[in-house]
Amino acid sequence: MYQRPYELVGAPDSLIARIRARGNDVLRNPMLNRGTAFTTDEREALDLVGLLPSAVSSMEGQVRRTYEQYRGQPSALAKHVYLASLRDRNEVLFYRLLSEYLEEMLPVVYTPTIGEVIERFSHDYNRPRGVFLSVDEPEDIERALRDYGLGPDDCDLIVASDSEGILGIGDQGVGGIQISIGKLTVYTAAGGIHPRRVLPVVLDVGTDNLRLLNDEMYLGRRHSRVRGQRYDDFIDAFVAATTKLFPNALLHWEDFGASNARRILERYNQTCCTFNDDMEGTAAVVLAAVFAALRSTGARLRDQRVVVYGAGTAGIGIADMLRDAMVREGLSREEAMQRFWALGSRGLLTEERASELRDFQVPYARPAGETADWAGPSGSIGLAEVVVRAQPTVLIGTSTQPGAFSEPIVRTMAASTERPVILPLSNPTSRCEALPDDLIRWTDGRALVATGSPFPPVDHDGRTHVVAQANNALIFPGLGLGVSVVKARRISAGMLTAAAAAVAELSDAGTTGSALLPPVDDLRPVSAAVGIAVAKAAASEGLAQVELHDPVQQVHAAMWRPEYPRVEAV
């Protein structure tokens, strides 16, 4: 019978590594290997005598050495490759380094550098990490998941992507495994989810990317992307296998195409614990920014008039979450819907255009006749006209149209509201609807701004305005943490709202010039606060399978810290 080379026992903050492996087998295992930090006694017990330099290093010394090596890399891609290599030989040290320089390294281990890593996956392929599932072999799904080596109680989190909507680069086929790996890296670094209790998955359904199909090095299925019933059956089989093998794991969907993301989430979110970060994570962090803005002005969410420019999966997901929060403040669903104006590529969504709209857009179509005199010469109703007519207090951009929030539009909005909330969220920076320094200048410093990309502070009229980044990493690591602590049966709207409220509480938006959201370098404490809020919400809604008797202590104790565990040679 197969015996694992080690087992970790105890609480995350007091782990003991019981190690059966010896000699080079210890050094080859990234969860066991601590390199020059093995003490003399540990080297004796694990048959490592003579296999390492004689000096014994502290972890602090190892961090200094590896950070120096990291800084010596010539490019962001080279830095990513170096960190991946470090993780493959010493996972604890990798996460310790990352946690100490998280703000600096997050763009390297995740966006934007991860996009180039994904594009180069088949050419730079080195060590396998994760599970590769093929639509051509659905009968192997359960076996493949078992082969990863996790038992029913060993997995807290699964991130799966079919790679159709990767960041801003679209269909990337089997290379999408790297987005799953990158996402889980952030879950661990920020949320303290143990790196050996997570599972990255790519769902290889083919690709429509002709560059990949014609690349002789491509490692995925070499056919066009499978759609329709065969695709749905494959997803069904995957969900059935994961819920059977890992009944307490959160299933996180990442970077699915617009035609699948929403319907997959809606198909499974009432029957298992599942989450789509592109929709729900984005929406929750935007809700947090709006909550923070309203706290600074003393206004109520139910009274806001919201324009969403970019009525795709992300934009409508944001609208849905804001709408549901308005309902919790006392509005009826119908009253809340009237507070929104959503625009797609052909202008304002209206009932007259219902036949052109996707199912999820239809509820946001403005009533027939209401906008009859709004249309311009082309017949469509553009953003400028909507801002004049609707007089929004909140303007959200998810359009990827650079400069869409022009000076006349912003000045018109600012003329009708004292503290306009303007959120140009499109990534990368080149696709942002407006630049923060312009928004601050055009509103004479009155705008409350958060962006999708990081921007430097803006100096205006003798005051420095810190620009908040609406980064999903403020939400999803803490969400996963809270879910794992109580083994939530599913994720509810109330849990997501609680996460957003927890983030907003940590902002200092009441001070003029302060950021609407906490900074990325505070991710660990932010994730802890979010985890506590999510666990409490799950318990209050009857979705927790573990009793929540001391939320702060239970969440704190559940957070893995990148420290070498005590060694027991067995």
Protein backbone atom coordinates (compact mmCIF):
# COMPACT_ATOMS: atom_id res chain seq x y z
CA MET A 1 0.00 0.00 0.00
CA TYR A 2 1.29 3.49 -0.92
CA GLN A 3 2.64 5.52 1.99
CA ARG A 4 3.02 9.24 1.72
CA PRO A 5 6.55 10.51 2.36
CA TYR A 6 5.22 12.73 5.13
CA GLU A 7 2.12 13.92 6.93
CA LEU A 8 1.37 17.24 8.54
CA VAL A 9 -0.49 17.06 11.84
CA GLY A 10 -1.77 19.70 14.21
CA ALA A 11 -3.37 23.11 13.74
CA PRO A 12 -2.14 25.39 10.92
CA ASP A 13 -0.32 27.57 13.44
CA SER A 14 1.46 24.64 15.17
CA LEU A 15 2.15 22.01 12.52
CA ILE A 16 4.35 18.97 12.98
CA ALA A 17 5.87 17.28 9.92
CA ARG A 18 6.14 13.53 10.41
CA ILE A 19 8.63 12.54 7.73
CA ARG A 20 9.12 9.01 6.41
CA ALA A 21 11.32 10.02 3.47
CA ARG A 22 15.08 10.11 3.79
CA GLY A 23 18.06 11.65 2.03
CA ASN A 24 17.52 13.16 -1.41
CA ASP A 25 13.83 12.19 -1.30
CA VAL A 26 13.44 14.84 1.41
CA LEU A 27 15.28 17.48 -0.62
CA ARG A 28 13.20 16.71 -3.73
CA ASN A 29 9.88 17.29 -1.94
CA PRO A 30 9.08 21.04 -1.91
CA MET A 31 6.85 20.79 1.15
CA LEU A 32 9.57 19.02 3.17
CA ASN A 33 12.70 20.65 1.84
CA ARG A 34 14.02 23.58 3.84
CA GLY A 35 17.50 23.49 2.33
CA THR A 36 20.19 25.05 4.46
CA ALA A 37 17.69 25.66 7.28
CA PHE A 38 17.78 21.99 8.32
CA THR A 39 19.46 21.86 11.72
CA THR A 40 22.32 19.49 12.49
CA ASP A 41 19.99 17.17 14.40
CA GLU A 42 17.45 17.17 11.57
CA ARG A 43 20.16 16.33 9.05
CA GLU A 44 21.22 13.38 11.21
CA ALA A 45 17.66 12.10 11.61
CA LEU A 46 16.72 12.46 7.91
CA ASP A 47 19.98 11.13 6.39
CA LEU A 48 20.98 14.52 5.01
CA VAL A 49 24.54 14.49 6.34
CA GLY A 50 26.86 15.74 3.61
CA LEU A 51 24.01 16.59 1.22
CA LEU A 52 23.95 20.29 2.17
CA PRO A 53 26.56 22.99 2.87
CA SER A 54 27.63 22.84 6.50
CA ALA A 55 26.27 26.23 7.59
CA VAL A 56 22.74 26.30 9.03
CA SER A 57 20.66 29.26 7.82
CA SER A 58 17.74 30.95 9.51
CA MET A 59 14.60 31.47 7.46
CA GLU A 60 15.27 35.20 7.64
CA GLY A 61 18.66 34.64 6.05
CA GLN A 62 17.08 32.50 3.33
CA VAL A 63 14.55 35.24 2.62
CA ARG A 64 17.34 37.82 2.24
CA ARG A 65 19.24 35.52 -0.12
CA THR A 66 16.24 34.65 -2.28
CA TYR A 67 15.03 38.25 -2.42
CA GLU A 68 18.44 39.31 -3.67
CA GLN A 69 18.27 36.61 -6.34
CA TYR A 70 14.72 37.70 -7.25
CA ARG A 71 15.74 41.34 -7.63
CA GLY A 72 18.57 40.26 -9.92
CA GLN A 73 16.17 38.85 -12.53
CA PRO A 74 16.03 41.02 -15.68
CA SER A 75 12.26 41.07 -16.34
CA ALA A 76 8.88 40.38 -14.76
CA LEU A 77 8.68 37.10 -16.67
CA ALA A 78 12.13 36.06 -15.42
CA LYS A 79 11.06 36.97 -11.88
CA HIS A 80 7.99 34.74 -12.26
CA VAL A 81 10.13 31.86 -13.50
CA TYR A 82 12.50 32.31 -10.56
CA LEU A 83 9.63 32.26 -8.05
CA ALA A 84 8.10 29.19 -9.68
CA SER A 85 11.45 27.43 -9.41
CA LEU A 86 11.72 28.42 -5.75
CA ARG A 87 8.24 27.04 -5.07
CA ASP A 88 9.18 23.77 -6.77
CA ARG A 89 12.09 23.24 -4.41
CA ASN A 90 10.96 24.92 -1.13
CA GLU A 91 7.30 25.82 -0.92
CA VAL A 92 7.38 27.24 2.60
CA LEU A 93 10.23 29.60 1.75
CA PHE A 94 8.44 30.65 -1.44
CA TYR A 95 5.36 31.70 0.52
CA ARG A 96 7.42 33.38 3.23
CA LEU A 97 9.20 35.48 0.62
CA LEU A 98 5.92 36.26 -1.13
CA SER A 99 4.16 37.22 2.11
CA GLU A 100 6.94 39.64 3.07
CA TYR A 101 6.94 41.35 -0.34
CA LEU A 102 3.34 40.72 -1.37
CA GLU A 103 2.58 44.14 -2.83
CA GLU A 104 5.76 44.04 -4.92
CA MET A 105 5.37 40.43 -6.06
CA LEU A 106 1.62 40.14 -6.57
CA PRO A 107 1.80 41.57 -10.12
CA VAL A 108 4.51 38.98 -10.87
CA VAL A 109 2.83 35.85 -9.50
CA TYR A 110 -0.60 36.96 -10.75
CA THR A 111 -1.82 39.75 -13.01
CA PRO A 112 -0.44 41.16 -15.23
CA THR A 113 2.63 38.89 -15.62
CA ILE A 114 0.57 35.70 -15.45
CA GLY A 115 -0.86 36.57 -18.88
CA GLU A 116 2.54 36.16 -20.54
CA VAL A 117 3.19 33.00 -18.53
CA ILE A 118 -0.07 31.52 -19.81
CA GLU A 119 0.73 32.41 -23.41
CA ARG A 120 4.13 30.72 -23.12
CA PHE A 121 2.92 27.67 -21.20
CA SER A 122 3.55 25.03 -23.87
CA HIS A 123 7.00 26.43 -24.70
CA ASP A 124 8.16 26.93 -21.11
CA TYR A 125 6.55 23.79 -19.66
CA ASN A 126 8.64 22.34 -16.87
CA ARG A 127 7.20 20.66 -13.80
CA PRO A 128 3.52 19.56 -13.82
CA ARG A 129 1.29 21.17 -11.20
CA GLY A 130 -2.46 20.63 -11.05
CA VAL A 131 -4.92 18.36 -12.84
CA PHE A 132 -5.50 18.36 -16.60
CA LEU A 133 -8.97 17.13 -17.58
CA SER A 134 -9.94 16.51 -21.21
CA VAL A 135 -13.37 16.75 -22.80
CA ASP A 136 -12.27 13.82 -24.98
CA GLU A 137 -11.81 11.57 -21.95
CA PRO A 138 -14.66 12.37 -19.55
CA GLU A 139 -14.52 8.84 -18.17
CA ASP A 140 -11.11 9.68 -16.63
CA ILE A 141 -12.24 12.70 -14.62
CA GLU A 142 -12.68 10.93 -11.29
CA ARG A 143 -9.49 8.90 -11.68
CA ALA A 144 -7.46 12.01 -12.51
CA LEU A 145 -8.77 13.84 -9.45
CA ARG A 146 -7.99 10.83 -7.25
CA ASP A 147 -4.48 10.56 -8.71
CA TYR A 148 -3.66 14.02 -7.35
CA GLY A 149 -3.51 12.37 -3.95
CA LEU A 150 -5.99 14.33 -1.85
CA GLY A 151 -8.56 12.57 0.32
CA PRO A 152 -12.15 13.70 1.03
CA ASP A 153 -11.08 15.83 4.00
CA ASP A 154 -7.82 17.06 2.47
CA CYS A 155 -9.15 19.67 0.03
CA ASP A 156 -10.56 23.08 0.92
CA LEU A 157 -10.48 24.74 -2.47
CA ILE A 158 -10.55 23.92 -6.19
CA VAL A 159 -9.93 26.55 -8.88
CA ALA A 160 -10.99 25.45 -12.37
CA SER A 161 -10.77 27.26 -15.70
CA ASP A 162 -11.75 26.30 -19.23
CA SER A 163 -9.43 29.08 -20.41
CA GLU A 164 -11.84 30.79 -22.80
CA GLY A 165 -11.80 34.24 -21.20
CA ILE A 166 -8.27 34.54 -19.82
CA LEU A 167 -7.68 38.08 -18.55
CA GLY A 168 -7.51 40.37 -21.57
CA ILE A 169 -5.98 37.76 -23.90
CA GLY A 170 -8.93 35.44 -24.48
CA ASP A 171 -8.81 31.75 -25.37
CA GLN A 172 -5.54 30.16 -24.20
CA GLY A 173 -6.40 26.45 -24.19
CA VAL A 174 -4.48 24.23 -21.80
CA GLY A 175 -2.28 27.15 -20.70
CA GLY A 176 -5.18 28.21 -18.48
CA ILE A 177 -3.83 25.88 -15.80
CA GLN A 178 -1.54 28.78 -14.90
CA ILE A 179 -4.47 31.07 -14.03
CA SER A 180 -5.75 28.41 -11.63
CA ILE A 181 -2.28 28.09 -10.09
CA GLY A 182 -1.90 31.87 -9.83
CA LYS A 183 -5.28 32.29 -8.18
CA LEU A 184 -4.49 29.63 -5.60
CA THR A 185 -1.15 31.28 -4.88
CA VAL A 186 -3.04 34.39 -3.82
CA TYR A 187 -5.51 32.35 -1.76
CA THR A 188 -2.56 30.97 0.20
CA ALA A 189 -0.44 34.10 0.47
CA ALA A 190 -3.33 36.38 1.45
CA GLY A 191 -5.92 34.05 2.96
CA GLY A 192 -3.74 31.44 4.62
CA ILE A 193 -5.29 28.48 2.80
CA HIS A 194 -2.72 25.68 3.15
CA PRO A 195 -0.94 25.12 -0.20
CA ARG A 196 -1.40 21.34 0.10
CA ARG A 197 -5.16 21.66 0.58
CA VAL A 198 -5.88 23.23 -2.81
CA LEU A 199 -6.33 21.84 -6.30
CA PRO A 200 -5.71 23.73 -9.59
CA VAL A 201 -7.63 22.32 -12.58
CA VAL A 202 -7.79 23.09 -16.29
CA LEU A 203 -10.78 21.86 -18.26
CA ASP A 204 -9.31 21.23 -21.71
CA VAL A 205 -12.21 21.50 -24.16
CA GLY A 206 -10.03 22.46 -27.12
CA THR A 207 -9.28 25.94 -28.35
CA ASP A 208 -10.34 28.33 -31.09
CA ASN A 209 -6.97 30.07 -30.88
CA LEU A 210 -5.44 29.36 -34.30
CA ARG A 211 -1.98 30.35 -33.09
CA LEU A 212 -2.11 27.52 -30.57
CA LEU A 213 -3.63 25.00 -32.98
CA ASN A 214 -0.81 25.65 -35.43
CA ASP A 215 1.94 25.59 -32.82
CA GLU A 216 3.70 22.22 -32.90
CA MET A 217 4.70 22.72 -29.25
CA TYR A 218 1.11 23.15 -28.01
CA LEU A 219 0.33 20.68 -25.21
CA GLY A 220 -3.47 20.75 -25.21
CA ARG A 221 -6.19 19.06 -27.24
CA ARG A 222 -5.61 20.03 -30.85
CA HIS A 223 -9.16 20.73 -32.01
CA SER A 224 -11.66 23.58 -31.91
CA ARG A 225 -13.42 24.44 -28.68
CA VAL A 226 -16.23 22.02 -27.86
CA ARG A 227 -19.58 23.66 -27.15
CA GLY A 228 -23.23 22.71 -26.66
CA GLN A 229 -24.47 19.55 -24.99
CA ARG A 230 -21.11 17.78 -25.03
CA TYR A 231 -19.55 20.70 -23.17
CA ASP A 232 -22.38 20.76 -20.63
CA ASP A 233 -22.09 17.01 -20.04
CA PHE A 234 -18.36 17.43 -19.40
CA ILE A 235 -18.97 20.20 -16.84
CA ASP A 236 -21.69 18.07 -15.20
CA ALA A 237 -19.30 15.14 -14.91
CA PHE A 238 -16.61 17.37 -13.43
CA VAL A 239 -18.93 18.87 -10.80
CA ALA A 240 -20.29 15.43 -9.91
CA ALA A 241 -16.77 14.07 -9.42
CA THR A 242 -15.51 17.00 -7.35
CA THR A 243 -18.51 17.09 -5.03
CA LYS A 244 -18.23 13.32 -4.55
CA LEU A 245 -14.49 13.26 -3.86
CA PHE A 246 -14.16 16.59 -2.02
CA PRO A 247 -17.53 17.26 -0.38
CA ASN A 248 -16.36 20.26 1.68
CA ALA A 249 -14.33 22.06 -0.99
CA LEU A 250 -15.19 25.43 -2.50
CA LEU A 251 -15.35 25.16 -6.30
CA HIS A 252 -14.08 28.41 -7.82
CA TRP A 253 -14.75 29.05 -11.54
CA GLU A 254 -12.15 31.26 -13.21
CA ASP A 255 -12.01 33.01 -16.59
CA PHE A 256 -14.84 31.24 -18.38
CA GLY A 257 -16.25 32.86 -21.51
CA ALA A 258 -19.26 35.18 -21.33
CA SER A 259 -21.57 32.57 -22.87
CA ASN A 260 -20.81 30.05 -20.10
CA ALA A 261 -19.73 31.87 -16.94
CA ARG A 262 -23.13 33.02 -15.69
CA ARG A 263 -25.14 29.98 -16.68
CA ILE A 264 -22.62 27.57 -15.09
CA LEU A 265 -22.70 29.51 -11.84
CA GLU A 266 -26.49 29.64 -11.83
CA ARG A 267 -26.73 25.93 -12.64
CA TYR A 268 -24.71 24.82 -9.60
CA ASN A 269 -24.77 27.58 -6.99
CA GLN A 270 -27.82 26.20 -5.18
CA THR A 271 -26.57 22.62 -5.03
CA CYS A 272 -22.88 22.98 -4.10
CA CYS A 273 -20.43 25.49 -2.67
CA THR A 274 -19.34 27.38 -5.78
CA PHE A 275 -18.14 30.84 -6.73
CA ASN A 276 -17.20 32.80 -9.86
CA ASP A 277 -14.61 35.45 -9.09
CA ASP A 278 -14.98 37.30 -12.41
CA MET A 279 -18.62 37.91 -11.59
CA GLU A 280 -19.05 37.71 -7.83
CA GLY A 281 -15.56 38.68 -6.67
CA THR A 282 -15.51 41.71 -8.95
CA ALA A 283 -19.02 42.68 -7.87
CA ALA A 284 -18.19 42.32 -4.18
CA VAL A 285 -15.09 44.51 -4.32
CA VAL A 286 -17.04 47.17 -6.26
CA LEU A 287 -19.80 46.97 -3.64
CA ALA A 288 -17.11 47.48 -1.00
CA ALA A 289 -15.89 50.61 -2.79
CA VAL A 290 -19.44 51.96 -3.03
CA PHE A 291 -20.11 51.15 0.64
CA ALA A 292 -16.93 53.02 1.60
CA ALA A 293 -17.83 56.00 -0.56
CA LEU A 294 -21.30 56.23 0.96
CA ARG A 295 -19.89 55.95 4.47
CA SER A 296 -17.79 59.02 3.74
CA THR A 297 -20.80 61.01 2.49
CA GLY A 298 -23.49 59.69 4.83
CA ALA A 299 -25.71 58.68 1.89
CA ARG A 300 -27.78 55.50 1.55
CA LEU A 301 -27.21 52.89 -1.14
CA ARG A 302 -30.94 52.67 -1.88
CA ASP A 303 -30.93 56.32 -2.97
CA GLN A 304 -28.13 56.00 -5.55
CA ARG A 305 -28.58 56.23 -9.31
CA VAL A 306 -26.14 53.87 -10.99
CA VAL A 307 -24.89 53.82 -14.58
CA VAL A 308 -22.99 50.69 -15.65
CA TYR A 309 -21.01 51.24 -18.84
CA GLY A 310 -20.17 47.76 -20.11
CA ALA A 311 -23.17 45.46 -19.67
CA GLY A 312 -21.30 42.17 -20.01
CA THR A 313 -20.88 39.40 -17.47
CA ALA A 314 -18.84 41.52 -15.06
CA GLY A 315 -20.91 44.69 -15.42
CA ILE A 316 -24.26 42.99 -14.93
CA GLY A 317 -22.78 40.94 -12.07
CA ILE A 318 -21.90 44.21 -10.35
CA ALA A 319 -25.38 45.59 -10.99
CA ASP A 320 -26.97 42.44 -9.58
CA MET A 321 -25.02 42.68 -6.34
CA LEU A 322 -25.73 46.39 -5.90
CA ARG A 323 -29.41 45.76 -6.65
CA ASP A 324 -29.62 42.96 -4.08
CA ALA A 325 -27.96 45.18 -1.48
CA MET A 326 -30.54 47.89 -2.21
CA VAL A 327 -33.29 45.33 -1.65
CA ARG A 328 -31.76 44.47 1.73
CA GLU A 329 -32.03 48.20 2.54
CA GLY A 330 -35.78 48.04 2.00
CA LEU A 331 -36.48 48.59 -1.71
CA SER A 332 -38.55 46.11 -3.66
CA ARG A 333 -36.75 44.35 -6.50
CA GLU A 334 -38.68 46.42 -9.03
CA GLU A 335 -37.84 49.68 -7.25
CA ALA A 336 -34.17 48.71 -7.09
CA MET A 337 -34.06 47.85 -10.81
CA GLN A 338 -35.22 51.38 -11.61
CA ARG A 339 -32.04 52.74 -10.03
CA PHE A 340 -29.87 51.28 -12.85
CA TRP A 341 -29.02 52.27 -16.41
CA ALA A 342 -26.83 49.71 -18.21
CA LEU A 343 -25.09 50.27 -21.54
CA GLY A 344 -23.66 47.67 -23.90
CA SER A 345 -21.75 48.00 -27.14
CA ARG A 346 -24.87 49.37 -28.85
CA GLY A 347 -25.84 51.82 -26.17
CA LEU A 348 -28.44 51.82 -23.43
CA LEU A 349 -30.30 48.55 -22.86
CA THR A 350 -33.98 49.18 -23.60
CA GLU A 351 -37.06 47.01 -24.03
CA GLU A 352 -37.23 48.05 -27.67
CA ARG A 353 -33.93 46.18 -28.14
CA ALA A 354 -34.91 43.12 -26.08
CA SER A 355 -34.43 40.71 -29.00
CA GLU A 356 -30.73 41.72 -29.21
CA LEU A 357 -30.03 41.25 -25.51
CA ARG A 358 -28.66 38.27 -23.61
CA ASP A 359 -30.90 36.73 -20.99
CA PHE A 360 -28.99 38.27 -18.09
CA GLN A 361 -29.21 41.76 -19.66
CA VAL A 362 -32.98 41.76 -20.20
CA PRO A 363 -33.94 42.67 -16.59
CA TYR A 364 -31.94 45.90 -16.96
CA ALA A 365 -33.67 47.05 -20.15
CA ARG A 366 -35.32 50.40 -19.53
CA PRO A 367 -39.13 50.41 -20.07
CA ALA A 368 -40.59 50.94 -23.54
CA GLY A 369 -41.35 54.59 -24.20
CA GLU A 370 -39.31 55.95 -21.30
CA THR A 371 -36.35 56.78 -23.51
CA ALA A 372 -38.15 57.52 -26.78
CA ASP A 373 -36.71 61.04 -27.06
CA TRP A 374 -33.21 60.09 -25.82
CA ALA A 375 -31.83 58.53 -28.98
CA GLY A 376 -29.18 60.26 -31.04
CA PRO A 377 -28.85 60.39 -34.85
CA SER A 378 -27.75 56.73 -35.00
CA GLY A 379 -30.78 55.54 -33.05
CA SER A 380 -28.71 54.28 -30.12
CA ILE A 381 -28.53 56.00 -26.76
CA GLY A 382 -24.96 56.73 -25.72
CA LEU A 383 -23.31 57.36 -22.39
CA ALA A 384 -23.33 61.15 -22.70
CA GLU A 385 -27.11 61.22 -23.13
CA VAL A 386 -27.67 58.77 -20.29
CA VAL A 387 -25.58 60.87 -17.90
CA VAL A 388 -27.55 63.99 -18.81
CA ARG A 389 -30.92 62.27 -18.37
CA ALA A 390 -30.29 59.88 -15.46
CA GLN A 391 -28.05 62.20 -13.38
CA PRO A 392 -26.12 59.28 -11.89
CA THR A 393 -24.40 59.39 -8.53
CA VAL A 394 -22.35 56.25 -9.33
CA LEU A 395 -20.63 55.62 -12.68
CA ILE A 396 -19.07 52.20 -13.24
CA GLY A 397 -16.91 51.25 -16.21
CA THR A 398 -16.42 47.64 -17.34
CA SER A 399 -16.28 48.37 -21.07
CA THR A 400 -12.53 48.18 -21.88
CA GLN A 401 -13.12 51.41 -23.88
CA PRO A 402 -10.27 53.82 -23.05
CA GLY A 403 -11.34 57.41 -22.51
CA ALA A 404 -15.05 56.57 -22.47
CA PHE A 405 -15.50 58.73 -19.36
CA SER A 406 -14.65 61.96 -21.16
CA GLU A 407 -14.31 65.39 -19.61
CA PRO A 408 -17.78 66.61 -20.73
CA ILE A 409 -19.42 63.44 -19.37
CA VAL A 410 -17.62 63.66 -16.02
CA ARG A 411 -18.28 67.37 -15.63
CA THR A 412 -21.96 66.82 -16.42
CA MET A 413 -22.16 64.12 -13.75
CA ALA A 414 -20.31 66.27 -11.20
CA ALA A 415 -22.72 69.16 -11.81
CA SER A 416 -25.63 67.15 -10.38
CA THR A 417 -23.98 65.33 -7.46
CA GLU A 418 -21.66 66.69 -4.80
CA ARG A 419 -19.42 63.60 -4.43
CA PRO A 420 -19.62 61.57 -7.66
CA VAL A 421 -18.48 57.95 -7.28
CA ILE A 422 -16.56 57.04 -10.44
CA LEU A 423 -15.12 53.56 -10.90
CA PRO A 424 -13.25 52.99 -14.19
CA LEU A 425 -12.51 49.30 -13.69
CA SER A 426 -11.28 48.02 -17.05
CA ASN A 427 -7.85 46.39 -17.23
CA PRO A 428 -5.13 46.88 -18.26
CA THR A 429 -4.34 50.56 -17.78
CA SER A 430 -4.48 51.13 -21.54
CA ARG A 431 -8.18 50.16 -21.50
CA CYS A 432 -9.22 52.20 -18.47
CA GLU A 433 -12.31 54.38 -19.08
CA ALA A 434 -10.58 57.41 -17.50
CA LEU A 435 -7.36 58.28 -15.68
CA PRO A 436 -7.67 59.15 -12.01
CA ASP A 437 -5.76 62.43 -12.29
CA ASP A 438 -8.24 63.60 -14.95
CA LEU A 439 -11.24 62.56 -12.82
CA ILE A 440 -9.89 64.41 -9.78
CA ARG A 441 -9.11 67.51 -11.85
CA TRP A 442 -12.41 67.58 -13.77
CA THR A 443 -14.41 67.36 -10.50
CA ASP A 444 -12.19 69.79 -8.56
CA GLY A 445 -11.14 67.00 -6.19
CA ARG A 446 -14.69 65.90 -5.35
CA ALA A 447 -14.76 62.53 -7.14
CA LEU A 448 -14.47 59.33 -5.13
CA VAL A 449 -12.43 57.06 -7.38
CA ALA A 450 -11.39 53.41 -7.50
CA THR A 451 -9.80 51.75 -10.52
CA GLY A 452 -9.21 48.23 -11.80
CA SER A 453 -5.48 48.82 -12.33
CA PRO A 454 -3.03 50.32 -9.83
CA PHE A 455 -2.39 54.05 -10.21
CA PRO A 456 -0.07 56.42 -8.31
CA PRO A 457 -1.50 59.07 -5.97
CA VAL A 458 -2.84 62.26 -7.52
CA ASP A 459 -1.83 65.70 -6.24
CA HIS A 460 -4.53 68.31 -6.67
CA ASP A 461 -4.91 71.76 -5.11
CA GLY A 462 -2.41 71.04 -2.36
CA ARG A 463 -3.92 67.67 -1.39
CA THR A 464 -2.80 64.13 -2.22
CA HIS A 465 -5.53 61.74 -3.33
CA VAL A 466 -4.68 58.06 -2.90
CA VAL A 467 -6.29 56.01 -5.68
CA ALA A 468 -7.86 52.76 -4.51
CA GLN A 469 -7.46 49.65 -6.62
CA ALA A 470 -10.63 47.56 -6.80
CA ASN A 471 -8.62 44.35 -6.69
CA ASN A 472 -10.55 41.10 -6.28
CA ALA A 473 -7.74 39.92 -4.01
CA LEU A 474 -9.38 42.02 -1.30
CA ILE A 475 -12.36 39.64 -1.41
CA PHE A 476 -11.71 36.11 -2.65
CA PRO A 477 -8.92 34.95 -0.28
CA GLY A 478 -10.97 35.89 2.79
CA LEU A 479 -14.09 34.38 1.26
CA GLY A 480 -12.29 31.06 0.77
CA LEU A 481 -10.92 31.26 4.30
CA GLY A 482 -14.33 31.87 5.87
CA VAL A 483 -15.94 29.12 3.82
CA SER A 484 -13.25 26.61 4.84
CA VAL A 485 -13.53 27.47 8.54
CA VAL A 486 -17.25 26.64 8.71
CA LYS A 487 -17.37 24.22 5.74
CA ALA A 488 -20.18 26.26 4.20
CA ARG A 489 -22.70 24.30 2.13
CA ARG A 490 -22.86 27.08 -0.45
CA ILE A 491 -22.08 30.76 -0.96
CA SER A 492 -24.98 33.15 -0.55
CA ALA A 493 -25.57 36.76 -1.52
CA GLY A 494 -25.51 37.58 2.19
CA MET A 495 -22.01 36.10 2.56
CA LEU A 496 -20.73 38.15 -0.38
CA THR A 497 -22.32 41.32 0.99
CA ALA A 498 -20.75 40.62 4.37
CA ALA A 499 -17.36 40.30 2.66
CA ALA A 500 -17.85 43.65 0.92
CA ALA A 501 -18.94 45.35 4.13
CA ALA A 502 -15.90 44.01 5.97
CA VAL A 503 -13.56 45.46 3.33
CA ALA A 504 -15.37 48.81 3.40
CA GLU A 505 -15.03 48.96 7.20
CA LEU A 506 -11.25 48.80 6.80
CA SER A 507 -11.07 51.84 4.54
CA ASP A 508 -10.38 55.38 5.70
CA ALA A 509 -12.53 57.00 3.05
CA GLY A 510 -13.96 59.53 5.48
CA THR A 511 -10.70 61.48 5.29
CA THR A 512 -10.48 63.57 2.12
CA GLY A 513 -7.87 62.13 -0.23
CA SER A 514 -7.79 58.72 1.43
CA ALA A 515 -8.29 55.57 -0.63
CA LEU A 516 -11.75 54.04 -0.85
CA LEU A 517 -10.29 50.57 -0.23
CA PRO A 518 -7.47 49.09 1.86
CA PRO A 519 -4.08 48.73 0.14
CA VAL A 520 -2.94 45.44 -1.34
CA ASP A 521 -0.06 45.19 1.14
CA ASP A 522 -2.68 44.70 3.90
CA LEU A 523 -4.13 41.57 2.30
CA ARG A 524 -3.52 39.19 5.23
CA PRO A 525 -5.41 41.26 7.83
CA VAL A 526 -8.05 42.16 5.25
CA SER A 527 -8.54 38.48 4.43
CA ALA A 528 -8.85 37.63 8.12
CA ALA A 529 -11.56 40.28 8.57
CA VAL A 530 -13.39 39.07 5.47
CA GLY A 531 -13.09 35.47 6.65
CA ILE A 532 -14.67 36.31 10.00
CA ALA A 533 -17.53 38.21 8.32
CA VAL A 534 -18.18 35.42 5.82
CA ALA A 535 -18.12 32.71 8.50
CA LYS A 536 -20.57 34.69 10.64
CA ALA A 537 -22.90 35.23 7.68
CA ALA A 538 -22.82 31.54 6.77
CA ALA A 539 -23.63 30.58 10.35
CA SER A 540 -26.49 33.10 10.61
CA GLU A 541 -28.03 31.75 7.40
CA GLY A 542 -27.77 28.13 8.48
CA LEU A 543 -25.15 27.30 5.84
CA ALA A 544 -22.31 26.38 8.23
CA GLN A 545 -21.51 22.75 8.92
CA VAL A 546 -19.06 23.61 11.71
CA GLU A 547 -20.23 25.41 14.85
CA LEU A 548 -18.93 28.96 15.03
CA HIS A 549 -18.29 29.54 18.74
CA ASP A 550 -15.32 31.95 18.57
CA PRO A 551 -15.07 33.42 15.03
CA VAL A 552 -11.91 35.47 15.58
CA GLN A 553 -9.96 32.60 17.11
CA GLN A 554 -11.28 30.01 14.67
CA VAL A 555 -10.31 32.10 11.64
CA HIS A 556 -6.95 33.08 13.12
CA ALA A 557 -6.11 29.47 13.94
CA ALA A 558 -7.11 28.30 10.44
CA MET A 559 -4.66 30.60 8.65
CA TRP A 560 -1.52 28.76 7.59
CA ARG A 561 1.67 30.71 8.12
CA PRO A 562 4.79 30.07 6.03
CA GLU A 563 6.96 28.76 8.85
CA TYR A 564 8.92 25.53 8.94
CA PRO A 565 7.03 22.95 11.03
CA ARG A 566 8.70 20.94 13.74
CA VAL A 567 10.24 17.79 12.27
CA GLU A 568 9.63 14.26 13.52
CA ALA A 569 11.51 11.51 11.67
CA VAL A 570 9.32 8.38 11.57
